[in-house]
Amino acid sequence: MEKLTKQEEAAMQAIWKAGKGFVKDFLEVHAEPQPPYTTLASTIKNLEKKGYIDSVKIGNVYEYKPSIAEEDYKQQFMSGFVKDYFENSYKELVSFFAKNQEISKGELQEIIRMIEEKK
């Protein structure tokens, strides 16, 4: 799928949070600063063109819902991010955060426990 802009990602966050609804519903749960209604409506149309959301016309308005689950998007985004910036290595990703003290020793130990529990 086509990569999303920051504005589109913020709109998708609101759509995932609402589950489904109309532009006004997404505006209510959109993170601050909230965009103008017309800007959000335009962004939602772009998301529909890109295949991230589906719509159903109800009267003279459209109801939207995500066509991709948030977890699926995260998986896709992170895979591309790790590939593009960390030589396709999650070890390099974790190492980056450890070197920059963005992740604590306790958090690393928790990650190790999670990995060991999956085995």
Protein backbone atom coordinates (compact mmCIF):
# COMPACT_ATOMS: atom_id res chain seq x y z
CA MET A 1 0.00 0.00 0.00
CA GLU A 2 1.01 3.58 -0.58
CA LYS A 3 2.81 5.32 2.29
CA LEU A 4 0.75 7.77 4.34
CA THR A 5 1.57 11.39 5.08
CA LYS A 6 1.62 12.59 8.70
CA GLN A 7 -1.79 14.21 8.14
CA GLU A 8 -3.18 10.95 6.74
CA GLU A 9 -1.71 8.94 9.63
CA ALA A 10 -3.36 11.31 12.14
CA ALA A 11 -6.68 10.86 10.33
CA MET A 12 -6.26 7.07 10.33
CA GLN A 13 -5.58 7.17 14.08
CA ALA A 14 -8.92 8.94 14.55
CA ILE A 15 -10.69 6.48 12.23
CA TRP A 16 -9.25 3.47 14.05
CA LYS A 17 -10.21 5.03 17.37
CA ALA A 18 -13.80 5.64 16.24
CA GLY A 19 -14.09 2.32 14.41
CA LYS A 20 -16.40 3.71 11.78
CA GLY A 21 -18.36 6.88 11.29
CA PHE A 22 -18.72 10.17 9.53
CA VAL A 23 -16.18 12.97 9.13
CA LYS A 24 -17.64 14.79 12.16
CA ASP A 25 -17.16 11.65 14.29
CA PHE A 26 -13.49 11.44 13.34
CA LEU A 27 -13.02 15.14 13.99
CA GLU A 28 -14.28 14.65 17.56
CA VAL A 29 -11.62 12.02 18.35
CA HIS A 30 -8.82 13.52 16.24
CA ALA A 31 -5.67 14.46 18.15
CA GLU A 32 -4.93 18.13 18.77
CA PRO A 33 -4.53 20.31 16.87
CA GLN A 34 -7.70 19.32 15.06
CA PRO A 35 -7.76 20.16 11.36
CA PRO A 36 -10.64 22.10 9.81
CA TYR A 37 -13.60 19.92 8.81
CA THR A 38 -12.95 20.42 5.08
CA THR A 39 -9.27 19.48 5.44
CA LEU A 40 -10.16 16.27 7.27
CA ALA A 41 -12.84 15.46 4.68
CA SER A 42 -10.28 15.89 1.90
CA THR A 43 -7.74 13.74 3.75
CA ILE A 44 -10.36 11.03 4.22
CA LYS A 45 -11.11 11.04 0.48
CA ASN A 46 -7.37 10.59 -0.18
CA LEU A 47 -7.28 7.67 2.26
CA GLU A 48 -10.17 6.09 0.41
CA LYS A 49 -8.36 6.50 -2.94
CA LYS A 50 -5.27 4.87 -1.42
CA GLY A 51 -7.36 1.92 -0.23
CA TYR A 52 -7.04 2.49 3.52
CA ILE A 53 -10.75 3.09 4.13
CA ASP A 54 -14.07 2.11 2.59
CA SER A 55 -17.25 4.17 2.40
CA VAL A 56 -20.99 3.64 2.18
CA LYS A 57 -23.31 6.44 1.08
CA ILE A 58 -26.13 7.00 3.54
CA GLY A 59 -28.50 9.66 2.26
CA ASN A 60 -26.25 12.48 1.13
CA VAL A 61 -23.28 11.70 3.41
CA TYR A 62 -20.68 8.96 3.53
CA GLU A 63 -19.93 6.63 6.40
CA TYR A 64 -16.33 5.44 6.51
CA LYS A 65 -14.58 2.49 8.08
CA PRO A 66 -10.99 1.27 7.95
CA SER A 67 -10.15 -1.34 5.33
CA ILE A 68 -6.85 -2.14 7.05
CA ALA A 69 -6.53 -2.99 10.73
CA GLU A 70 -4.30 -0.78 12.85
CA GLU A 71 -2.08 -3.75 13.76
CA ASP A 72 -1.64 -4.65 10.08
CA TYR A 73 -0.62 -1.08 9.29
CA LYS A 74 1.85 -1.04 12.19
CA GLN A 75 3.37 -4.30 10.94
CA GLN A 76 3.71 -2.94 7.41
CA PHE A 77 5.04 0.43 8.59
CA MET A 78 7.59 -1.03 10.99
CA SER A 79 8.84 -3.58 8.46
CA GLY A 80 9.47 -0.78 5.95
CA PHE A 81 10.98 1.48 8.63
CA VAL A 82 13.40 -1.19 9.84
CA LYS A 83 14.31 -2.09 6.25
CA ASP A 84 14.91 1.53 5.20
CA TYR A 85 16.70 2.84 8.29
CA PHE A 86 18.17 -0.14 10.16
CA GLU A 87 19.48 -2.46 7.42
CA ASN A 88 16.45 -4.73 7.90
CA SER A 89 17.68 -5.58 11.41
CA TYR A 90 15.54 -5.28 14.53
CA LYS A 91 18.75 -5.74 16.50
CA GLU A 92 20.04 -2.51 14.94
CA LEU A 93 16.76 -0.79 15.85
CA VAL A 94 16.95 -1.83 19.51
CA SER A 95 20.66 -1.04 19.60
CA PHE A 96 19.95 2.47 18.31
CA PHE A 97 17.50 3.13 21.13
CA ALA A 98 19.80 1.58 23.72
CA LYS A 99 22.77 3.71 22.61
CA ASN A 100 20.67 6.85 22.75
CA GLN A 101 19.29 5.89 26.18
CA GLU A 102 15.74 5.85 24.79
CA ILE A 103 15.16 2.40 26.26
CA SER A 104 15.97 1.34 29.80
CA LYS A 105 17.68 -1.79 31.03
CA GLY A 106 14.40 -2.91 32.57
CA GLU A 107 12.58 -2.45 29.26
CA LEU A 108 15.26 -4.49 27.47
CA GLN A 109 14.92 -7.25 30.06
CA GLU A 110 11.16 -7.21 29.53
CA ILE A 111 11.65 -7.55 25.76
CA ILE A 112 13.98 -10.50 26.34
CA ARG A 113 11.36 -12.16 28.59
CA MET A 114 8.70 -11.65 25.90
CA ILE A 115 10.97 -13.26 23.28
CA GLU A 116 11.79 -16.20 25.54
CA GLU A 117 8.11 -16.78 26.36
CA LYS A 118 7.30 -17.11 22.65
CA LYS A 119 9.81 -19.95 22.21
